[in-house]
C-alpha atoms as a PDB file:
ATOM      1  CA  UNK A   1      -0.776  20.253 -13.800  1.00  0.00           C
ATOM      2  CA  UNK A   2       2.263  19.075 -11.819  1.00  0.00           C
ATOM      3  CA  UNK A   3       3.072  15.364 -12.002  1.00  0.00           C
ATOM      4  CA  UNK A   4       4.466  13.249  -9.183  1.00  0.00           C
ATOM      5  CA  UNK A   5       6.612  10.263 -10.047  1.00  0.00           C
ATOM      6  CA  UNK A   6       8.739   8.092  -7.794  1.00  0.00           C
ATOM      7  CA  UNK A   7       9.438   4.404  -7.699  1.00  0.00           C
ATOM      8  CA  UNK A   8       6.915   1.600  -7.634  1.00  0.00           C
ATOM      9  CA  UNK A   9       3.966   1.472  -5.226  1.00  0.00           C
ATOM     10  CA  UNK A  10       2.723  -1.930  -4.138  1.00  0.00           C
ATOM     11  CA  UNK A  11      -1.065  -1.912  -3.828  1.00  0.00           C
ATOM     12  CA  UNK A  12      -2.461  -4.855  -1.894  1.00  0.00           C
ATOM     13  CA  UNK A  13      -6.172  -4.978  -2.698  1.00  0.00           C
ATOM     14  CA  UNK A  14      -8.461  -7.960  -3.221  1.00  0.00           C
ATOM     15  CA  UNK A  15     -11.498  -6.042  -4.482  1.00  0.00           C
ATOM     16  CA  UNK A  16     -11.453  -5.399  -8.228  1.00  0.00           C
ATOM     17  CA  UNK A  17     -13.802  -2.444  -7.712  1.00  0.00           C
ATOM     18  CA  UNK A  18     -11.590  -0.840  -5.038  1.00  0.00           C
ATOM     19  CA  UNK A  19      -8.468  -1.484  -7.118  1.00  0.00           C
ATOM     20  CA  UNK A  20     -10.031   0.222 -10.143  1.00  0.00           C
ATOM     21  CA  UNK A  21     -11.263   3.132  -8.003  1.00  0.00           C
ATOM     22  CA  UNK A  22      -7.792   3.577  -6.514  1.00  0.00           C
ATOM     23  CA  UNK A  23      -6.173   3.668  -9.959  1.00  0.00           C
ATOM     24  CA  UNK A  24      -8.807   6.177 -11.133  1.00  0.00           C
ATOM     25  CA  UNK A  25      -8.159   8.360  -8.059  1.00  0.00           C
ATOM     26  CA  UNK A  26      -4.393   8.102  -8.722  1.00  0.00           C
ATOM     27  CA  UNK A  27      -4.949   9.236 -12.317  1.00  0.00           C
ATOM     28  CA  UNK A  28      -7.182  12.132 -11.211  1.00  0.00           C
ATOM     29  CA  UNK A  29      -4.477  13.140  -8.731  1.00  0.00           C
ATOM     30  CA  UNK A  30      -1.710  12.949 -11.386  1.00  0.00           C
ATOM     31  CA  UNK A  31       0.096  10.141  -9.593  1.00  0.00           C
ATOM     32  CA  UNK A  32       2.066   8.370 -12.287  1.00  0.00           C
ATOM     33  CA  UNK A  33       4.043   5.941 -10.152  1.00  0.00           C
ATOM     34  CA  UNK A  34       4.119   2.419 -11.451  1.00  0.00           C
ATOM     35  CA  UNK A  35       1.682   0.360  -9.378  1.00  0.00           C
ATOM     36  CA  UNK A  36       2.003  -3.360  -8.841  1.00  0.00           C
ATOM     37  CA  UNK A  37      -1.001  -5.169  -7.401  1.00  0.00           C
ATOM     38  CA  UNK A  38      -1.205  -8.174  -5.138  1.00  0.00           C
ATOM     39  CA  UNK A  39      -4.704  -9.410  -4.386  1.00  0.00           C
ATOM     40  CA  UNK A  40      -4.208 -11.478  -1.234  1.00  0.00           C
ATOM     41  CA  UNK A  41      -1.904 -11.752   1.757  1.00  0.00           C
ATOM     42  CA  UNK A  42      -0.071 -14.837   0.551  1.00  0.00           C
ATOM     43  CA  UNK A  43       0.636 -13.236  -2.819  1.00  0.00           C
ATOM     44  CA  UNK A  44       2.112 -10.088  -1.260  1.00  0.00           C
ATOM     45  CA  UNK A  45       4.388 -12.156   0.976  1.00  0.00           C
ATOM     46  CA  UNK A  46       5.512 -14.202  -2.036  1.00  0.00           C
ATOM     47  CA  UNK A  47       6.155 -10.948  -3.904  1.00  0.00           C
ATOM     48  CA  UNK A  48       8.160  -9.374  -1.090  1.00  0.00           C
ATOM     49  CA  UNK A  49      10.156 -12.555  -0.402  1.00  0.00           C
ATOM     50  CA  UNK A  50      10.628 -13.258  -4.136  1.00  0.00           C
ATOM     51  CA  UNK A  51       9.068 -16.712  -3.872  1.00  0.00           C
ATOM     52  CA  UNK A  52       6.993 -18.917  -6.173  1.00  0.00           C
ATOM     53  CA  UNK A  53       5.807 -16.922  -9.219  1.00  0.00           C
ATOM     54  CA  UNK A  54       8.022 -13.966  -8.166  1.00  0.00           C
ATOM     55  CA  UNK A  55      11.392 -15.787  -8.077  1.00  0.00           C
ATOM     56  CA  UNK A  56      12.468 -13.943 -11.213  1.00  0.00           C
ATOM     57  CA  UNK A  57      12.339 -10.646  -9.260  1.00  0.00           C
ATOM     58  CA  UNK A  58      15.362 -11.567  -7.111  1.00  0.00           C
ATOM     59  CA  UNK A  59      17.632  -8.532  -7.137  1.00  0.00           C
ATOM     60  CA  UNK A  60      14.985  -6.118  -8.421  1.00  0.00           C
ATOM     61  CA  UNK A  61      14.088  -3.066  -6.334  1.00  0.00           C
ATOM     62  CA  UNK A  62      11.409  -3.328  -3.689  1.00  0.00           C
ATOM     63  CA  UNK A  63       8.481  -0.906  -3.720  1.00  0.00           C
ATOM     64  CA  UNK A  64       9.124   2.383  -1.964  1.00  0.00           C
ATOM     65  CA  UNK A  65       5.649   2.329  -0.446  1.00  0.00           C
ATOM     66  CA  UNK A  66       3.017  -0.304   0.286  1.00  0.00           C
ATOM     67  CA  UNK A  67      -0.718   0.462   0.358  1.00  0.00           C
ATOM     68  CA  UNK A  68      -2.225  -2.427   2.308  1.00  0.00           C
ATOM     69  CA  UNK A  69      -5.858  -3.434   2.689  1.00  0.00           C
ATOM     70  CA  UNK A  70      -6.711  -5.241   5.933  1.00  0.00           C
ATOM     71  CA  UNK A  71      -9.472  -7.592   4.843  1.00  0.00           C
ATOM     72  CA  UNK A  72      -7.632  -9.918   2.513  1.00  0.00           C
ATOM     73  CA  UNK A  73      -8.205 -13.530   1.532  1.00  0.00           C
ATOM     74  CA  UNK A  74      -5.615 -16.029   2.761  1.00  0.00           C
ATOM     75  CA  UNK A  75      -3.236 -14.171   5.092  1.00  0.00           C
ATOM     76  CA  UNK A  76      -4.949 -11.029   6.445  1.00  0.00           C
ATOM     77  CA  UNK A  77      -3.524  -7.524   6.300  1.00  0.00           C
ATOM     78  CA  UNK A  78      -2.535  -7.302   9.968  1.00  0.00           C
ATOM     79  CA  UNK A  79      -0.514 -10.511   9.670  1.00  0.00           C
ATOM     80  CA  UNK A  80       1.155  -9.210   6.511  1.00  0.00           C
ATOM     81  CA  UNK A  81       1.954  -5.910   8.254  1.00  0.00           C
ATOM     82  CA  UNK A  82       3.389  -7.728  11.259  1.00  0.00           C
ATOM     83  CA  UNK A  83       5.604  -9.905   9.075  1.00  0.00           C
ATOM     84  CA  UNK A  84       6.882  -6.939   7.054  1.00  0.00           C
ATOM     85  CA  UNK A  85       7.743  -4.947  10.171  1.00  0.00           C
ATOM     86  CA  UNK A  86       9.565  -7.880  11.793  1.00  0.00           C
ATOM     87  CA  UNK A  87      11.800  -8.427   8.756  1.00  0.00           C
ATOM     88  CA  UNK A  88      15.128  -6.553   8.742  1.00  0.00           C
ATOM     89  CA  UNK A  89      15.107  -6.078   4.964  1.00  0.00           C
ATOM     90  CA  UNK A  90      11.451  -5.052   4.580  1.00  0.00           C
ATOM     91  CA  UNK A  91      10.691  -3.049   7.718  1.00  0.00           C
ATOM     92  CA  UNK A  92      12.022   0.214   6.277  1.00  0.00           C
ATOM     93  CA  UNK A  93       9.312   0.235   3.586  1.00  0.00           C
ATOM     94  CA  UNK A  94       6.468   2.520   4.713  1.00  0.00           C
ATOM     95  CA  UNK A  95       3.188   0.623   4.940  1.00  0.00           C
ATOM     96  CA  UNK A  96       0.063   2.746   4.636  1.00  0.00           C
ATOM     97  CA  UNK A  97      -3.130   0.960   5.582  1.00  0.00           C
ATOM     98  CA  UNK A  98      -5.930   1.667   3.096  1.00  0.00           C
ATOM     99  CA  UNK A  99      -9.089   0.127   4.528  1.00  0.00           C
ATOM    100  CA  UNK A 100     -12.829   0.633   4.773  1.00  0.00           C
ATOM    101  CA  UNK A 101     -12.620  -0.124   8.503  1.00  0.00           C
ATOM    102  CA  UNK A 102     -12.999   2.771  10.912  1.00  0.00           C
ATOM    103  CA  UNK A 103     -12.833   0.368  13.856  1.00  0.00           C
ATOM    104  CA  UNK A 104     -10.576   1.924  16.500  1.00  0.00           C
ATOM    105  CA  UNK A 105      -9.227  -1.520  17.425  1.00  0.00           C
ATOM    106  CA  UNK A 106      -8.057  -2.008  13.828  1.00  0.00           C
ATOM    107  CA  UNK A 107      -6.463   1.451  13.819  1.00  0.00           C
ATOM    108  CA  UNK A 108      -4.692   0.879  17.141  1.00  0.00           C
ATOM    109  CA  UNK A 109      -3.556  -2.629  16.176  1.00  0.00           C
ATOM    110  CA  UNK A 110      -2.076  -1.396  12.902  1.00  0.00           C
ATOM    111  CA  UNK A 111      -0.083   1.374  14.555  1.00  0.00           C
ATOM    112  CA  UNK A 112       1.146  -1.053  17.221  1.00  0.00           C
ATOM    113  CA  UNK A 113       2.281  -3.396  14.435  1.00  0.00           C
ATOM    114  CA  UNK A 114       4.240  -0.591  12.749  1.00  0.00           C
ATOM    115  CA  UNK A 115       1.908   0.974  10.167  1.00  0.00           C
ATOM    116  CA  UNK A 116       3.188   4.305   8.870  1.00  0.00           C
ATOM    117  CA  UNK A 117      -0.333   5.699   8.570  1.00  0.00           C
ATOM    118  CA  UNK A 118      -3.941   4.568   8.358  1.00  0.00           C
ATOM    119  CA  UNK A 119      -6.270   5.894   5.663  1.00  0.00           C
ATOM    120  CA  UNK A 120      -9.965   5.095   5.387  1.00  0.00           C
ATOM    121  CA  UNK A 121     -11.288   4.321   1.897  1.00  0.00           C
ATOM    122  CA  UNK A 122     -14.207   6.627   1.368  1.00  0.00           C
ATOM    123  CA  UNK A 123     -17.228   5.105  -0.378  1.00  0.00           C
ATOM    124  CA  UNK A 124     -17.909   8.335  -2.281  1.00  0.00           C
ATOM    125  CA  UNK A 125     -15.432   8.590  -5.181  1.00  0.00           C
ATOM    126  CA  UNK A 126     -15.002  12.385  -4.903  1.00  0.00           C
ATOM    127  CA  UNK A 127     -14.171  12.072  -1.200  1.00  0.00           C
ATOM    128  CA  UNK A 128     -11.866   9.148  -1.951  1.00  0.00           C
ATOM    129  CA  UNK A 129     -10.074  11.231  -4.579  1.00  0.00           C
ATOM    130  CA  UNK A 130      -9.596  14.029  -2.028  1.00  0.00           C
ATOM    131  CA  UNK A 131      -8.114  11.443   0.334  1.00  0.00           C
ATOM    132  CA  UNK A 132      -5.735  10.229  -2.385  1.00  0.00           C
ATOM    133  CA  UNK A 133      -4.715  13.822  -3.128  1.00  0.00           C
ATOM    134  CA  UNK A 134      -3.839  14.268   0.567  1.00  0.00           C
ATOM    135  CA  UNK A 135      -1.925  10.965   0.413  1.00  0.00           C
ATOM    136  CA  UNK A 136      -0.029  12.273  -2.626  1.00  0.00           C
ATOM    137  CA  UNK A 137       0.771  15.583  -0.958  1.00  0.00           C
ATOM    138  CA  UNK A 138       2.274  13.940   2.106  1.00  0.00           C
ATOM    139  CA  UNK A 139       3.699  10.606   0.941  1.00  0.00           C
ATOM    140  CA  UNK A 140       4.823  11.514  -2.565  1.00  0.00           C
ATOM    141  CA  UNK A 141       5.705  15.200  -2.281  1.00  0.00           C
ATOM    142  CA  UNK A 142       6.630  15.945   1.354  1.00  0.00           C
ATOM    143  CA  UNK A 143       7.930  12.779   3.015  1.00  0.00           C
ATOM    144  CA  UNK A 144      11.371  11.431   2.184  1.00  0.00           C
ATOM    145  CA  UNK A 145      11.068   7.736   1.387  1.00  0.00           C
ATOM    146  CA  UNK A 146      13.794   5.176   2.000  1.00  0.00           C
ATOM    147  CA  UNK A 147      16.038   4.255  -0.912  1.00  0.00           C
ATOM    148  CA  UNK A 148      16.593   0.752  -2.190  1.00  0.00           C
END
């Protein structure tokens, strides 16, 4: 089975269950990228701006892709997305929304704020794995991602 490996993916997910399911789907899809997790909006902003507990990351490479949940504690996903896409240093990082919401307002808002794509988390694990395999095919095998 062919393996896909690029630089780090930042997964922003507050639910332990969804985080575990995503890692399981990654493993089933042979995605071996290192994954770093942030569990709320404030933490991801600290991570990206190398603040507080992430000060020691100054100078280290940013993720090449961010998977962002919308419903986060503290700062919500749309606010995080907006901040990323308004920042000259961060805006080149593709942000893929990974949410349970199928609400068309959420979808439209995210694209207006600069989301690279919007993926719905399927409740059924087999369907979710198929979604992750499609994600892998496009984002990790077909699309060219920005360099550091």
